Amino acid sequence: MEILKKDEKGFSLIELLVVIAIIGVLAAVGLTNYQGFIESAKKDTTEASAEDIHRTLSAYAYKESYEVSDCNSVTDDATMLSCLQGLYASGGPFENKDNPYNQNNTAISAINVATPHSVFHDPDTADSNQDCTTSGNAAGVNGQVVIANDTSASGSSYDLSVYYCSEMTVSGSGTGAHWTKTKNTIQWD
């Protein structure tokens, strides 16, 4: 075995440890930024799905004939719920929507609920951000989109609101999964 002499070139142990430490710091910073990017992409995907559903429901509200047969004969809250559920069932326009946070979790659901703005989040109502993990009507998971039919609405039209669950910071509640309303309420006549 040959031992390096003083005049031969090579890296000392200290130099190698400094290089390894620098690589470790750069990897940690890169991993943190990557995880933030992934979370941001999941939230953006959830928001885009909710907006897509809102646009489609807005267009459906003015149609005469629907691909989902249950939507052709909406006469009460029960048939409206059946219509909404058909939109994300097999063959419906939203059947391929996935939950970006977990493929095994629900991506879309529909409910009949009185005054959904008090159950979920409504930007027009102060302090109405609801935690997605709350039990009852506001129960949900990150990435989920809910179509809510307001059963307290009167008349022959139906008021539909689209909410999505994602990470956000809410004053007084901190950061966590909360409901957010997508745009305005849709009137389905």
Protein backbone atom coordinates (compact mmCIF):
# COMPACT_ATOMS: atom_id res chain seq x y z
CA MET A 1 0.00 0.00 0.00
CA GLU A 2 1.34 3.36 -0.99
CA ILE A 3 1.00 6.36 1.36
CA LEU A 4 0.67 9.90 -0.04
CA LYS A 5 3.68 12.04 0.50
CA LYS A 6 3.54 15.72 1.40
CA ASP A 7 4.21 16.88 -2.16
CA GLU A 8 1.49 14.70 -3.75
CA LYS A 9 -1.96 16.22 -4.54
CA GLY A 10 -5.22 15.05 -2.92
CA PHE A 11 -8.21 16.17 -0.86
CA SER A 12 -8.01 16.25 2.88
CA LEU A 13 -10.74 14.77 5.05
CA ILE A 14 -11.81 18.27 6.12
CA GLU A 15 -12.25 19.38 2.50
CA LEU A 16 -14.37 16.32 1.71
CA LEU A 17 -16.57 16.90 4.80
CA VAL A 18 -17.13 20.55 3.82
CA VAL A 19 -18.21 19.53 0.31
CA ILE A 20 -20.59 16.88 1.72
CA ALA A 21 -22.09 19.45 4.14
CA ILE A 22 -22.67 21.94 1.31
CA ILE A 23 -24.36 19.26 -0.81
CA GLY A 24 -26.56 18.32 2.18
CA VAL A 25 -27.67 21.94 2.71
CA LEU A 26 -28.47 22.38 -0.99
CA ALA A 27 -30.46 19.11 -1.02
CA ALA A 28 -32.47 20.17 2.06
CA VAL A 29 -33.34 23.54 0.51
CA GLY A 30 -34.28 21.89 -2.79
CA LEU A 31 -36.46 19.26 -1.10
CA THR A 32 -38.33 21.91 0.90
CA ASN A 33 -39.01 23.95 -2.24
CA TYR A 34 -40.10 20.80 -4.10
CA GLN A 35 -42.58 19.85 -1.36
CA GLY A 36 -44.01 23.38 -1.40
CA PHE A 37 -44.38 23.16 -5.17
CA ILE A 38 -46.22 19.82 -4.91
CA GLU A 39 -48.65 21.18 -2.27
CA SER A 40 -49.28 24.27 -4.39
CA ALA A 41 -49.98 22.10 -7.45
CA LYS A 42 -52.47 19.97 -5.49
CA LYS A 43 -54.32 23.05 -4.26
CA ASP A 44 -54.36 24.56 -7.76
CA THR A 45 -55.70 21.28 -9.21
CA THR A 46 -58.49 21.19 -6.62
CA GLU A 47 -59.41 24.81 -7.31
CA ALA A 48 -59.36 24.23 -11.08
CA SER A 49 -61.65 21.18 -10.68
CA ALA A 50 -64.09 23.23 -8.61
CA GLU A 51 -64.09 26.04 -11.17
CA ASP A 52 -64.59 23.53 -14.01
CA ILE A 53 -67.57 22.02 -12.17
CA HIS A 54 -68.96 25.52 -11.53
CA ARG A 55 -68.67 26.45 -15.23
CA THR A 56 -70.32 23.21 -16.32
CA LEU A 57 -73.17 23.59 -13.82
CA SER A 58 -73.65 27.20 -14.96
CA ALA A 59 -74.01 26.00 -18.55
CA TYR A 60 -76.27 23.11 -17.51
CA ALA A 61 -78.58 25.48 -15.65
CA TYR A 62 -79.76 26.88 -18.99
CA LYS A 63 -79.99 23.65 -21.02
CA GLU A 64 -83.21 22.07 -22.21
CA SER A 65 -81.93 18.48 -22.49
CA TYR A 66 -79.20 16.78 -20.45
CA GLU A 67 -76.86 13.84 -21.02
CA VAL A 68 -77.62 12.73 -17.44
CA SER A 69 -81.25 11.57 -17.63
CA ASP A 70 -81.99 12.44 -13.98
CA CYS A 71 -81.41 16.10 -14.83
CA ASN A 72 -84.26 16.15 -17.36
CA SER A 73 -86.97 15.81 -14.71
CA VAL A 74 -85.91 17.82 -11.68
CA THR A 75 -89.03 18.51 -9.64
CA ASP A 76 -87.79 18.67 -6.04
CA ASP A 77 -84.66 18.61 -3.88
CA ALA A 78 -84.43 14.80 -4.02
CA THR A 79 -84.43 14.69 -7.84
CA MET A 80 -81.97 17.60 -7.94
CA LEU A 81 -79.62 15.62 -5.68
CA SER A 82 -80.00 12.59 -7.96
CA CYS A 83 -79.20 14.80 -10.97
CA LEU A 84 -76.07 16.21 -9.29
CA GLN A 85 -74.89 12.73 -8.25
CA GLY A 86 -75.33 11.56 -11.85
CA LEU A 87 -72.89 14.22 -13.02
CA TYR A 88 -69.95 12.49 -11.33
CA ALA A 89 -71.21 8.90 -11.66
CA SER A 90 -70.01 6.57 -14.40
CA GLY A 91 -70.73 8.20 -17.77
CA GLY A 92 -71.21 11.67 -16.27
CA PRO A 93 -69.11 14.67 -17.31
CA PHE A 94 -67.15 14.64 -14.02
CA GLU A 95 -66.49 10.89 -13.71
CA ASN A 96 -62.75 11.27 -14.35
CA LYS A 97 -62.11 13.91 -11.68
CA ASP A 98 -59.61 12.62 -9.13
CA ASN A 99 -58.69 13.88 -5.69
CA PRO A 100 -55.13 15.26 -6.12
CA TYR A 101 -54.23 14.69 -2.46
CA ASN A 102 -55.19 11.01 -2.36
CA GLN A 103 -56.63 8.97 -5.23
CA ASN A 104 -58.58 6.83 -2.72
CA ASN A 105 -60.47 9.81 -1.27
CA THR A 106 -63.70 11.23 -2.63
CA ALA A 107 -63.15 13.84 -5.34
CA ILE A 108 -66.72 15.10 -5.79
CA SER A 109 -69.90 14.79 -3.77
CA ALA A 110 -73.32 16.43 -3.75
CA ILE A 111 -75.61 17.22 -0.83
CA ASN A 112 -78.91 18.87 -0.04
CA VAL A 113 -78.38 21.32 2.81
CA ALA A 114 -80.22 24.34 4.16
CA THR A 115 -78.19 27.57 4.01
CA PRO A 116 -74.89 26.08 2.79
CA HIS A 117 -73.11 29.40 3.36
CA SER A 118 -73.44 28.78 7.11
CA VAL A 119 -72.10 25.21 6.75
CA PHE A 120 -69.16 25.83 4.40
CA HIS A 121 -67.25 28.99 3.49
CA ASP A 122 -68.88 32.01 1.92
CA PRO A 123 -66.68 35.04 1.21
CA ASP A 124 -69.73 37.28 1.64
CA THR A 125 -70.31 36.13 5.22
CA ALA A 126 -67.79 37.09 7.91
CA ASP A 127 -66.09 34.28 9.83
CA SER A 128 -67.70 31.47 7.85
CA ASN A 129 -64.55 29.46 7.03
CA GLN A 130 -65.29 25.96 8.16
CA ASP A 131 -62.75 23.26 8.85
CA CYS A 132 -63.05 20.37 6.35
CA THR A 133 -62.62 17.77 9.06
CA THR A 134 -65.68 18.95 10.99
CA SER A 135 -68.32 16.29 11.32
CA GLY A 136 -71.77 16.63 9.80
CA ASN A 137 -72.46 18.45 6.53
CA ALA A 138 -69.05 20.15 6.51
CA ALA A 139 -67.08 16.89 6.77
CA GLY A 140 -64.56 16.49 3.97
CA VAL A 141 -60.95 15.91 3.00
CA ASN A 142 -58.30 17.90 1.16
CA GLY A 143 -59.03 17.95 -2.56
CA GLN A 144 -62.74 17.28 -2.26
CA VAL A 145 -65.32 19.33 -4.17
CA VAL A 146 -68.91 19.56 -2.89
CA ILE A 147 -71.93 20.68 -4.90
CA ALA A 148 -74.49 21.99 -2.39
CA ASN A 149 -78.17 22.42 -3.21
CA ASP A 150 -79.69 25.03 -0.88
CA THR A 151 -82.89 23.42 0.38
CA SER A 152 -83.96 26.64 2.10
CA ALA A 153 -84.40 28.35 -1.28
CA SER A 154 -88.01 28.79 -2.25
CA GLY A 155 -89.72 28.70 -5.61
CA SER A 156 -89.21 26.49 -8.62
CA SER A 157 -85.48 27.19 -9.02
CA TYR A 158 -82.57 25.58 -7.19
CA ASP A 159 -79.60 27.45 -5.74
CA LEU A 160 -76.38 25.50 -6.26
CA SER A 161 -73.03 26.38 -4.72
CA VAL A 162 -69.67 24.72 -5.35
CA TYR A 163 -67.16 24.46 -2.48
CA TYR A 164 -63.70 22.91 -2.37
CA CYS A 165 -61.53 21.78 0.53
CA SER A 166 -57.85 22.77 0.56
CA GLU A 167 -55.09 24.05 2.79
CA MET A 168 -55.42 27.72 3.63
CA THR A 169 -54.72 30.14 6.46
CA VAL A 170 -57.79 31.52 8.22
CA SER A 171 -57.55 34.28 10.80
CA GLY A 172 -58.41 32.97 14.22
CA SER A 173 -58.31 29.35 13.03
CA GLY A 174 -54.77 29.01 11.69
CA THR A 175 -53.59 26.95 8.74
CA GLY A 176 -55.43 23.80 7.80
CA ALA A 177 -57.98 22.27 5.48
CA HIS A 178 -60.90 24.69 5.04
CA TRP A 179 -63.82 25.06 2.63
CA THR A 180 -63.79 27.79 0.00
CA LYS A 181 -66.72 28.80 -2.19
CA THR A 182 -66.14 28.92 -5.94
CA LYS A 183 -67.55 32.09 -7.46
CA ASN A 184 -71.27 32.88 -7.20
CA THR A 185 -74.36 30.77 -6.53
CA ILE A 186 -75.88 29.13 -9.62
CA GLN A 187 -79.64 29.39 -10.16
CA TRP A 188 -80.98 26.26 -11.83
CA ASP A 189 -84.49 26.83 -13.17
